């Protein structure tokens, strides 16, 4: 039985950042994509889902996905993907397009500018603050993070024209809600409305149906429940991805496909992570 590995990325940086060691810079991402292309059969997610259903996945099938909608996805990741002839799916939280900023980036900016110490000490401060704020009610979390954030002039998130650029380059666009709430932490009517708003906003930008979805945070039972899976189905999504670290197979739930993040910084451990993860099926 052939399995499908779905990789999660969030950002590709211009250069290494000691406060964000898990995020690849352009050079590391380029090496990872070269290795992935050499060792795996990389497919667009929509195509892989069809082949998964029909039980005709190629050996070592893999997909590349990005979450949230950071501008560096278009600026830095897209040229690398294009150079290697690879496709990726970009799950975008539409409410942060055109000048928005996610709450976790407010926290990172706060620590970067106010907390003295080594990068490791600053990372611990970031982790502690993120943990304190992550499961607060949405508006409370947003206000607390925004209060911490220093002013910034650059835009971290995509513009609408960059979403269109990704699509024109052969990439796939998926929905990631509008405001990126933890769905299980808000009332059902708000959850449904936020999912629907994100889908509609992206369809307005792309002028094409958006049929792929990524659950914010993505842990089943904690970040989303079966009722949210039902909402996704009712809104016409054909497939959705979680953050359960495993591989998919022919019997997997298409509305709860597993994904994993390749954290490892060097190529041998990156490849080992890909191969090890293939042993876990969901």
Protein backbone atom coordinates (compact mmCIF):
# COMPACT_ATOMS: atom_id res chain seq x y z
CA UNK A 1 0.00 0.00 0.00
CA UNK A 2 1.49 3.32 -1.06
CA UNK A 3 1.26 6.21 1.37
CA UNK A 4 1.14 9.97 1.03
CA UNK A 5 3.50 12.25 2.95
CA UNK A 6 2.23 15.84 3.30
CA UNK A 7 4.80 18.37 4.50
CA UNK A 8 3.91 21.56 6.40
CA UNK A 9 5.85 24.78 6.02
CA UNK A 10 4.96 28.25 7.25
CA UNK A 11 7.75 30.55 6.14
CA UNK A 12 10.97 30.67 4.11
CA UNK A 13 13.33 33.35 5.42
CA UNK A 14 15.78 35.49 3.47
CA UNK A 15 18.50 34.48 5.93
CA UNK A 16 18.74 32.37 9.10
CA UNK A 17 17.12 33.92 12.17
CA UNK A 18 18.45 32.79 15.58
CA UNK A 19 15.01 33.37 17.11
CA UNK A 20 13.33 31.19 14.47
CA UNK A 21 15.74 28.25 14.09
CA UNK A 22 13.05 25.84 12.88
CA UNK A 23 12.19 28.01 9.88
CA UNK A 24 14.30 27.37 6.77
CA UNK A 25 16.06 30.14 4.96
CA UNK A 26 16.20 30.17 1.16
CA UNK A 27 19.36 28.08 1.01
CA UNK A 28 18.08 25.37 3.36
CA UNK A 29 14.68 25.29 1.63
CA UNK A 30 16.36 24.97 -1.78
CA UNK A 31 18.40 21.99 -0.55
CA UNK A 32 15.33 20.37 0.96
CA UNK A 33 13.35 20.76 -2.24
CA UNK A 34 16.19 19.30 -4.31
CA UNK A 35 16.35 16.29 -1.99
CA UNK A 36 12.59 15.90 -1.93
CA UNK A 37 12.41 15.95 -5.72
CA UNK A 38 15.22 13.39 -6.01
CA UNK A 39 13.84 10.93 -3.45
CA UNK A 40 10.04 11.40 -3.64
CA UNK A 41 7.31 11.73 -6.24
CA UNK A 42 5.96 15.23 -5.48
CA UNK A 43 2.35 15.87 -6.51
CA UNK A 44 -0.09 18.77 -6.25
CA UNK A 45 -2.34 18.05 -3.27
CA UNK A 46 -5.54 17.98 -5.35
CA UNK A 47 -4.02 15.41 -7.70
CA UNK A 48 -2.64 13.33 -4.85
CA UNK A 49 -6.09 13.17 -3.24
CA UNK A 50 -7.60 11.77 -6.44
CA UNK A 51 -4.87 9.17 -6.69
CA UNK A 52 -5.23 8.36 -3.00
CA UNK A 53 -8.95 7.63 -3.47
CA UNK A 54 -8.28 5.53 -6.56
CA UNK A 55 -5.46 3.62 -4.84
CA UNK A 56 -2.96 4.50 -7.53
CA UNK A 57 -0.49 6.68 -5.65
CA UNK A 58 3.08 6.34 -6.93
CA UNK A 59 5.75 5.08 -4.58
CA UNK A 60 7.04 7.67 -2.10
CA UNK A 61 4.29 10.17 -2.94
CA UNK A 62 4.59 13.57 -1.24
CA UNK A 63 2.91 16.98 -1.20
CA UNK A 64 4.20 20.37 -0.06
CA UNK A 65 1.94 22.75 1.87
CA UNK A 66 2.32 26.18 3.44
CA UNK A 67 0.09 27.61 6.18
CA UNK A 68 -1.05 31.14 7.06
CA UNK A 69 -0.11 33.26 4.04
CA UNK A 70 3.24 34.89 4.72
CA UNK A 71 4.61 37.18 2.02
CA UNK A 72 7.91 35.29 1.94
CA UNK A 73 5.97 32.34 0.50
CA UNK A 74 5.63 34.34 -2.71
CA UNK A 75 8.93 36.21 -2.46
CA UNK A 76 11.29 33.37 -1.52
CA UNK A 77 9.55 29.99 -1.60
CA UNK A 78 7.88 30.38 -5.01
CA UNK A 79 11.12 30.95 -7.00
CA UNK A 80 12.67 27.85 -5.39
CA UNK A 81 9.61 25.73 -6.11
CA UNK A 82 9.47 26.98 -9.69
CA UNK A 83 13.16 26.30 -10.25
CA UNK A 84 12.71 22.69 -9.14
CA UNK A 85 9.45 22.23 -11.06
CA UNK A 86 7.47 21.55 -7.87
CA UNK A 87 3.93 22.45 -6.91
CA UNK A 88 2.73 23.41 -3.42
CA UNK A 89 -0.57 24.26 -1.78
CA UNK A 90 -0.80 27.53 0.16
CA UNK A 91 -3.41 27.62 2.93
CA UNK A 92 -4.13 31.29 3.56
CA UNK A 93 -5.90 33.00 6.47
CA UNK A 94 -7.57 35.69 4.40
CA UNK A 95 -8.10 38.18 7.23
CA UNK A 96 -4.38 38.93 7.41
CA UNK A 97 -3.85 39.74 3.76
CA UNK A 98 -2.87 43.26 2.73
CA UNK A 99 -1.25 44.52 5.92
CA UNK A 100 -2.43 42.24 8.72
CA UNK A 101 -0.22 40.53 11.27
CA UNK A 102 -0.79 37.31 13.19
CA UNK A 103 -0.74 37.39 16.99
CA UNK A 104 2.25 35.06 17.33
CA UNK A 105 4.36 37.48 15.27
CA UNK A 106 3.38 40.25 17.68
CA UNK A 107 4.78 38.11 20.50
CA UNK A 108 8.00 37.37 18.61
CA UNK A 109 8.50 41.07 17.82
CA UNK A 110 7.95 41.93 21.49
CA UNK A 111 10.60 39.50 22.69
CA UNK A 112 13.03 40.45 19.93
CA UNK A 113 12.92 44.12 20.96
CA UNK A 114 12.48 43.95 24.74
CA UNK A 115 13.93 40.74 26.20
CA UNK A 116 17.68 40.75 26.76
CA UNK A 117 19.72 37.56 26.66
CA UNK A 118 20.97 34.87 24.35
CA UNK A 119 18.85 33.61 21.43
CA UNK A 120 18.08 30.49 23.47
CA UNK A 121 16.81 32.62 26.37
CA UNK A 122 14.72 34.71 23.99
CA UNK A 123 13.29 31.56 22.41
CA UNK A 124 12.22 30.32 25.84
CA UNK A 125 10.54 33.67 26.49
CA UNK A 126 8.69 33.39 23.17
CA UNK A 127 7.57 29.83 23.94
CA UNK A 128 6.31 30.83 27.39
CA UNK A 129 4.31 33.78 26.07
CA UNK A 130 2.85 31.77 23.20
CA UNK A 131 1.77 29.05 25.62
CA UNK A 132 0.17 31.61 27.95
CA UNK A 133 -1.83 33.27 25.18
CA UNK A 134 -2.56 30.46 22.72
CA UNK A 135 -5.82 29.17 24.19
CA UNK A 136 -7.23 32.45 25.50
CA UNK A 137 -10.53 33.56 23.95
CA UNK A 138 -9.81 34.86 20.46
CA UNK A 139 -10.38 38.59 21.04
CA UNK A 140 -8.57 38.49 24.39
CA UNK A 141 -5.58 36.74 22.84
CA UNK A 142 -5.46 39.21 19.95
CA UNK A 143 -5.64 42.24 22.25
CA UNK A 144 -2.97 40.90 24.61
CA UNK A 145 -0.56 40.15 21.76
CA UNK A 146 -1.18 43.48 20.04
CA UNK A 147 -0.51 45.32 23.29
CA UNK A 148 2.91 43.68 23.45
CA UNK A 149 3.89 44.37 19.86
CA UNK A 150 6.24 47.22 18.93
CA UNK A 151 5.49 49.19 15.75
CA UNK A 152 6.74 47.58 12.54
CA UNK A 153 6.85 48.96 9.02
CA UNK A 154 7.39 45.88 6.92
CA UNK A 155 4.49 43.60 6.02
CA UNK A 156 4.86 39.96 6.94
CA UNK A 157 1.69 38.70 5.26
CA UNK A 158 0.81 38.43 1.59
CA UNK A 159 -1.00 40.93 -0.55
CA UNK A 160 -3.89 39.84 -2.74
CA UNK A 161 -1.77 40.19 -5.88
CA UNK A 162 0.76 37.74 -4.41
CA UNK A 163 -2.01 35.19 -3.95
CA UNK A 164 -2.85 35.67 -7.62
CA UNK A 165 0.86 35.33 -8.49
CA UNK A 166 1.03 31.95 -6.75
CA UNK A 167 -2.02 30.71 -8.62
CA UNK A 168 -0.68 31.96 -11.96
CA UNK A 169 2.57 30.08 -11.30
CA UNK A 170 0.67 26.79 -11.00
CA UNK A 171 0.41 26.65 -7.22
CA UNK A 172 -2.78 25.70 -5.39
CA UNK A 173 -4.64 28.01 -3.01
CA UNK A 174 -6.45 26.58 0.01
CA UNK A 175 -8.46 28.16 2.83
CA UNK A 176 -7.27 28.47 6.43
CA UNK A 177 -10.28 30.36 7.86
CA UNK A 178 -10.48 34.16 7.84
CA UNK A 179 -9.03 35.13 11.23
CA UNK A 180 -7.23 31.89 12.13
CA UNK A 181 -9.19 31.14 15.32
CA UNK A 182 -8.93 27.85 17.16
CA UNK A 183 -12.28 26.53 15.99
CA UNK A 184 -13.03 24.48 19.11
CA UNK A 185 -12.56 27.58 21.27
CA UNK A 186 -15.26 29.72 19.65
CA UNK A 187 -19.05 29.29 19.27
CA UNK A 188 -20.15 27.12 16.38
CA UNK A 189 -21.88 29.94 14.51
CA UNK A 190 -18.69 32.01 14.64
CA UNK A 191 -16.60 29.05 13.52
CA UNK A 192 -18.84 28.38 10.54
CA UNK A 193 -18.92 32.05 9.58
CA UNK A 194 -15.14 32.38 9.81
CA UNK A 195 -14.54 29.30 7.65
CA UNK A 196 -17.07 30.50 5.09
CA UNK A 197 -15.67 34.05 5.04
CA UNK A 198 -12.16 32.78 4.41
CA UNK A 199 -13.32 30.60 1.53
CA UNK A 200 -15.36 33.40 -0.05
CA UNK A 201 -12.55 35.95 0.27
CA UNK A 202 -10.03 33.70 -1.45
CA UNK A 203 -12.48 32.78 -4.20
CA UNK A 204 -13.04 36.48 -4.82
CA UNK A 205 -9.29 37.03 -5.14
CA UNK A 206 -8.56 33.97 -7.27
CA UNK A 207 -11.82 33.80 -9.22
CA UNK A 208 -11.69 30.03 -8.87
CA UNK A 209 -13.27 27.52 -6.45
CA UNK A 210 -11.30 26.92 -3.25
CA UNK A 211 -11.83 23.29 -2.28
CA UNK A 212 -8.89 22.56 0.06
CA UNK A 213 -8.77 23.52 3.75
CA UNK A 214 -6.31 23.45 6.65
CA UNK A 215 -7.55 23.51 10.26
CA UNK A 216 -5.87 26.26 12.34
CA UNK A 217 -3.46 24.61 14.79
CA UNK A 218 -4.86 21.37 13.46
CA UNK A 219 -4.94 18.99 16.42
CA UNK A 220 -8.15 16.89 16.30
CA UNK A 221 -10.08 16.79 19.55
CA UNK A 222 -8.32 19.88 20.87
CA UNK A 223 -8.27 22.49 18.11
CA UNK A 224 -11.22 21.20 16.12
CA UNK A 225 -14.00 18.63 16.61
CA UNK A 226 -16.09 16.42 14.36
CA UNK A 227 -18.69 19.18 14.08
CA UNK A 228 -16.07 21.36 12.38
CA UNK A 229 -15.30 18.55 9.95
CA UNK A 230 -19.02 18.51 9.15
CA UNK A 231 -18.92 22.28 8.56
CA UNK A 232 -16.07 21.83 6.10
CA UNK A 233 -18.03 19.20 4.21
CA UNK A 234 -21.17 21.35 4.10
CA UNK A 235 -19.21 24.27 2.64
CA UNK A 236 -18.04 22.17 -0.30
CA UNK A 237 -14.44 21.45 0.59
CA UNK A 238 -13.15 18.25 -1.01
CA UNK A 239 -10.24 17.69 1.37
CA UNK A 240 -8.77 19.12 4.56
CA UNK A 241 -5.52 18.68 6.43
CA UNK A 242 -4.68 18.47 10.12
CA UNK A 243 -1.33 18.56 11.95
CA UNK A 244 -1.30 14.92 13.04
CA UNK A 245 2.19 13.65 12.21
CA UNK A 246 1.56 10.63 10.01
CA UNK A 247 1.06 9.58 6.39
CA UNK A 248 -2.22 9.08 4.55
CA UNK A 249 -3.32 5.93 2.75
CA UNK A 250 -6.33 4.83 0.72
CA UNK A 251 -8.61 4.51 3.75
CA UNK A 252 -7.71 7.87 5.30
CA UNK A 253 -10.41 10.47 5.99
CA UNK A 254 -10.01 13.03 3.19
CA UNK A 255 -11.30 15.76 5.49
CA UNK A 256 -8.67 15.00 8.15
CA UNK A 257 -5.50 14.17 6.27
CA UNK A 258 -2.33 14.04 8.39
CA UNK A 259 0.69 16.29 7.86
CA UNK A 260 4.06 16.80 9.50
CA UNK A 261 6.71 19.50 9.73
CA UNK A 262 10.28 18.67 8.62
CA UNK A 263 12.14 20.57 11.35
CA UNK A 264 15.58 19.06 10.76
CA UNK A 265 18.11 21.62 9.51
CA UNK A 266 20.51 19.32 7.63
CA UNK A 267 19.74 17.14 4.63
CA UNK A 268 20.54 13.69 6.10
CA UNK A 269 18.24 14.23 9.08
CA UNK A 270 15.62 15.85 6.83
CA UNK A 271 15.57 12.73 4.65
CA UNK A 272 15.57 10.46 7.69
CA UNK A 273 12.57 12.35 9.07
CA UNK A 274 10.70 11.89 5.78
CA UNK A 275 11.43 8.18 5.67
CA UNK A 276 10.66 7.63 9.38
CA UNK A 277 7.35 9.45 9.13
CA UNK A 278 6.28 7.12 6.30
CA UNK A 279 6.11 4.29 8.84
CA UNK A 280 3.22 6.02 10.67
CA UNK A 281 -0.14 5.79 8.89
CA UNK A 282 -3.47 7.43 9.74
